[in-house]
Amino acid sequence: MHSAAWDDEYDLTDKVVAVIGGGSSAVQIIPSIQNKVKKLYPFLRSPVWITAGFGAKYAAPGGVNFECECLYSTVFSSSHTYWRQRYRRAERRLRKQPSCFRSVLSRC
């Protein structure tokens, strides 16, 4: 079954499951099915990392994205310096994370 057509009604209990890819869908699917399936085979081209604790600081309540207001659109399009500085601050925080995160960042 493809993640774009995910069927919550399908019973994965005791099934052998392969998840191809490690993108955002896999990051959501794998933890939700790993305790149900008999065997899980993730096929990933490259390492995957997520930073829930780090990202939560920049998310709206409940972990969702903020609504983009006209003000932000105006600031973004007119103040590249502001956004570059904001990106650099986030990058510096990420680089302080454990070495597993830093190895991924070094390839960016």
C-alpha atoms as a PDB file:
ATOM      1  CA  MET A   1       0.000   0.000   0.000  1.00  0.00           C
ATOM      2  CA  HIS A   2       1.323   3.472  -0.808  1.00  0.00           C
ATOM      3  CA  SER A   3       1.387   6.101   1.940  1.00  0.00           C
ATOM      4  CA  ALA A   4      -0.646   8.480  -0.256  1.00  0.00           C
ATOM      5  CA  ALA A   5      -3.485   5.958  -0.193  1.00  0.00           C
ATOM      6  CA  TRP A   6      -2.993   4.764   3.403  1.00  0.00           C
ATOM      7  CA  ASP A   7      -5.830   2.588   4.698  1.00  0.00           C
ATOM      8  CA  ASP A   8      -6.201   2.850   8.483  1.00  0.00           C
ATOM      9  CA  GLU A   9      -8.663  -0.046   8.393  1.00  0.00           C
ATOM     10  CA  TYR A  10      -6.090  -2.508   7.015  1.00  0.00           C
ATOM     11  CA  ASP A  11      -4.883  -4.797   9.807  1.00  0.00           C
ATOM     12  CA  LEU A  12      -1.076  -5.045   9.853  1.00  0.00           C
ATOM     13  CA  THR A  13      -0.991  -7.321  12.893  1.00  0.00           C
ATOM     14  CA  ASP A  14       1.631 -10.075  12.458  1.00  0.00           C
ATOM     15  CA  LYS A  15       2.387  -9.036   8.861  1.00  0.00           C
ATOM     16  CA  VAL A  16       5.866  -8.746   7.352  1.00  0.00           C
ATOM     17  CA  VAL A  17       6.124  -5.142   6.142  1.00  0.00           C
ATOM     18  CA  ALA A  18       8.695  -3.258   4.083  1.00  0.00           C
ATOM     19  CA  VAL A  19       8.795   0.539   4.140  1.00  0.00           C
ATOM     20  CA  ILE A  20      10.643   1.982   1.171  1.00  0.00           C
ATOM     21  CA  GLY A  21      12.066   5.442   1.750  1.00  0.00           C
ATOM     22  CA  GLY A  22      12.751   7.480   4.833  1.00  0.00           C
ATOM     23  CA  GLY A  23      10.913  10.712   4.187  1.00  0.00           C
ATOM     24  CA  SER A  24       8.243  12.347   6.285  1.00  0.00           C
ATOM     25  CA  SER A  25       5.708   9.604   5.606  1.00  0.00           C
ATOM     26  CA  ALA A  26       8.093   6.891   6.816  1.00  0.00           C
ATOM     27  CA  VAL A  27       8.919   8.949   9.917  1.00  0.00           C
ATOM     28  CA  GLN A  28       5.207   8.887  10.743  1.00  0.00           C
ATOM     29  CA  ILE A  29       4.385   5.356   9.601  1.00  0.00           C
ATOM     30  CA  ILE A  30       7.244   3.313  11.078  1.00  0.00           C
ATOM     31  CA  PRO A  31       6.699   4.288  14.747  1.00  0.00           C
ATOM     32  CA  SER A  32       2.950   3.783  14.430  1.00  0.00           C
ATOM     33  CA  ILE A  33       3.183   0.225  13.025  1.00  0.00           C
ATOM     34  CA  GLN A  34       6.371  -1.207  14.549  1.00  0.00           C
ATOM     35  CA  ASN A  35       4.591  -2.724  17.560  1.00  0.00           C
ATOM     36  CA  LYS A  36       1.879  -4.322  15.403  1.00  0.00           C
ATOM     37  CA  VAL A  37       3.840  -5.983  12.621  1.00  0.00           C
ATOM     38  CA  LYS A  38       5.650  -9.324  12.831  1.00  0.00           C
ATOM     39  CA  LYS A  39       8.740  -8.007  11.009  1.00  0.00           C
ATOM     40  CA  LEU A  40       9.562  -4.547   9.666  1.00  0.00           C
ATOM     41  CA  TYR A  41      12.132  -3.895   6.923  1.00  0.00           C
ATOM     42  CA  PRO A  42      12.928  -0.196   6.369  1.00  0.00           C
ATOM     43  CA  PHE A  43      14.795   0.520   3.121  1.00  0.00           C
ATOM     44  CA  LEU A  44      16.563   3.889   3.342  1.00  0.00           C
ATOM     45  CA  ARG A  45      18.906   5.492   0.827  1.00  0.00           C
ATOM     46  CA  SER A  46      20.481   7.789   3.416  1.00  0.00           C
ATOM     47  CA  PRO A  47      20.276   8.412   7.188  1.00  0.00           C
ATOM     48  CA  VAL A  48      17.142  10.057   8.519  1.00  0.00           C
ATOM     49  CA  TRP A  49      17.037  12.401  11.475  1.00  0.00           C
ATOM     50  CA  ILE A  50      14.318  14.394  13.142  1.00  0.00           C
ATOM     51  CA  THR A  51      14.559  16.950  15.917  1.00  0.00           C
ATOM     52  CA  ALA A  52      11.227  17.015  17.689  1.00  0.00           C
ATOM     53  CA  GLY A  53      12.604  18.828  20.740  1.00  0.00           C
ATOM     54  CA  PHE A  54      14.473  21.361  18.647  1.00  0.00           C
ATOM     55  CA  GLY A  55      11.673  21.913  16.144  1.00  0.00           C
ATOM     56  CA  ALA A  56       8.985  22.260  18.816  1.00  0.00           C
ATOM     57  CA  LYS A  57      10.468  25.612  19.840  1.00  0.00           C
ATOM     58  CA  TYR A  58       9.608  26.994  16.384  1.00  0.00           C
ATOM     59  CA  ALA A  59       6.174  25.365  16.020  1.00  0.00           C
ATOM     60  CA  ALA A  60       2.736  26.578  16.993  1.00  0.00           C
ATOM     61  CA  PRO A  61       0.914  24.953  19.936  1.00  0.00           C
ATOM     62  CA  GLY A  62       0.401  21.242  19.287  1.00  0.00           C
ATOM     63  CA  GLY A  63       3.435  21.098  16.989  1.00  0.00           C
ATOM     64  CA  VAL A  64       1.649  22.460  13.935  1.00  0.00           C
ATOM     65  CA  ASN A  65       2.913  25.177  11.595  1.00  0.00           C
ATOM     66  CA  PHE A  66       1.903  28.757  12.214  1.00  0.00           C
ATOM     67  CA  GLU A  67      -0.461  30.377   9.768  1.00  0.00           C
ATOM     68  CA  CYS A  68       1.486  32.556   7.370  1.00  0.00           C
ATOM     69  CA  GLU A  69       0.276  36.109   7.745  1.00  0.00           C
ATOM     70  CA  CYS A  70       0.723  38.837   5.168  1.00  0.00           C
ATOM     71  CA  LEU A  71       3.282  40.506   7.440  1.00  0.00           C
ATOM     72  CA  TYR A  72       5.537  37.429   7.294  1.00  0.00           C
ATOM     73  CA  SER A  73       5.234  37.258   3.529  1.00  0.00           C
ATOM     74  CA  THR A  74       6.237  40.908   3.273  1.00  0.00           C
ATOM     75  CA  VAL A  75       9.163  40.488   5.688  1.00  0.00           C
ATOM     76  CA  PHE A  76      10.348  37.354   3.931  1.00  0.00           C
ATOM     77  CA  SER A  77      10.339  38.901   0.495  1.00  0.00           C
ATOM     78  CA  SER A  78      11.864  42.209   1.600  1.00  0.00           C
ATOM     79  CA  SER A  79      14.370  41.204   4.287  1.00  0.00           C
ATOM     80  CA  HIS A  80      16.691  38.466   3.089  1.00  0.00           C
ATOM     81  CA  THR A  81      19.209  39.506   5.757  1.00  0.00           C
ATOM     82  CA  TYR A  82      16.690  38.816   8.545  1.00  0.00           C
ATOM     83  CA  TRP A  83      15.885  35.326   7.253  1.00  0.00           C
ATOM     84  CA  ARG A  84      19.527  34.501   6.601  1.00  0.00           C
ATOM     85  CA  GLN A  85      20.340  35.426  10.215  1.00  0.00           C
ATOM     86  CA  ARG A  86      17.398  33.375  11.497  1.00  0.00           C
ATOM     87  CA  TYR A  87      18.568  30.381   9.448  1.00  0.00           C
ATOM     88  CA  ARG A  88      22.125  30.741  10.777  1.00  0.00           C
ATOM     89  CA  ARG A  89      20.862  30.816  14.390  1.00  0.00           C
ATOM     90  CA  ALA A  90      18.911  27.600  13.798  1.00  0.00           C
ATOM     91  CA  GLU A  91      21.908  26.031  12.078  1.00  0.00           C
ATOM     92  CA  ARG A  92      24.176  26.885  15.032  1.00  0.00           C
ATOM     93  CA  ARG A  93      21.708  25.231  17.418  1.00  0.00           C
ATOM     94  CA  LEU A  94      21.590  22.118  15.258  1.00  0.00           C
ATOM     95  CA  ARG A  95      25.364  21.911  15.166  1.00  0.00           C
ATOM     96  CA  LYS A  96      25.368  21.706  18.972  1.00  0.00           C
ATOM     97  CA  GLN A  97      23.311  18.492  18.789  1.00  0.00           C
ATOM     98  CA  PRO A  98      24.890  15.010  19.242  1.00  0.00           C
ATOM     99  CA  SER A  99      27.385  13.802  16.652  1.00  0.00           C
ATOM    100  CA  CYS A 100      24.779  11.755  14.755  1.00  0.00           C
ATOM    101  CA  PHE A 101      23.100  15.044  13.784  1.00  0.00           C
ATOM    102  CA  ARG A 102      26.368  16.778  12.971  1.00  0.00           C
ATOM    103  CA  SER A 103      27.397  14.007  10.532  1.00  0.00           C
ATOM    104  CA  VAL A 104      24.234  14.633   8.532  1.00  0.00           C
ATOM    105  CA  LEU A 105      24.723  18.417   8.578  1.00  0.00           C
ATOM    106  CA  SER A 106      28.273  18.146   7.278  1.00  0.00           C
ATOM    107  CA  ARG A 107      26.887  16.827   3.988  1.00  0.00           C
ATOM    108  CA  CYS A 108      24.534  19.780   3.518  1.00  0.00           C
END
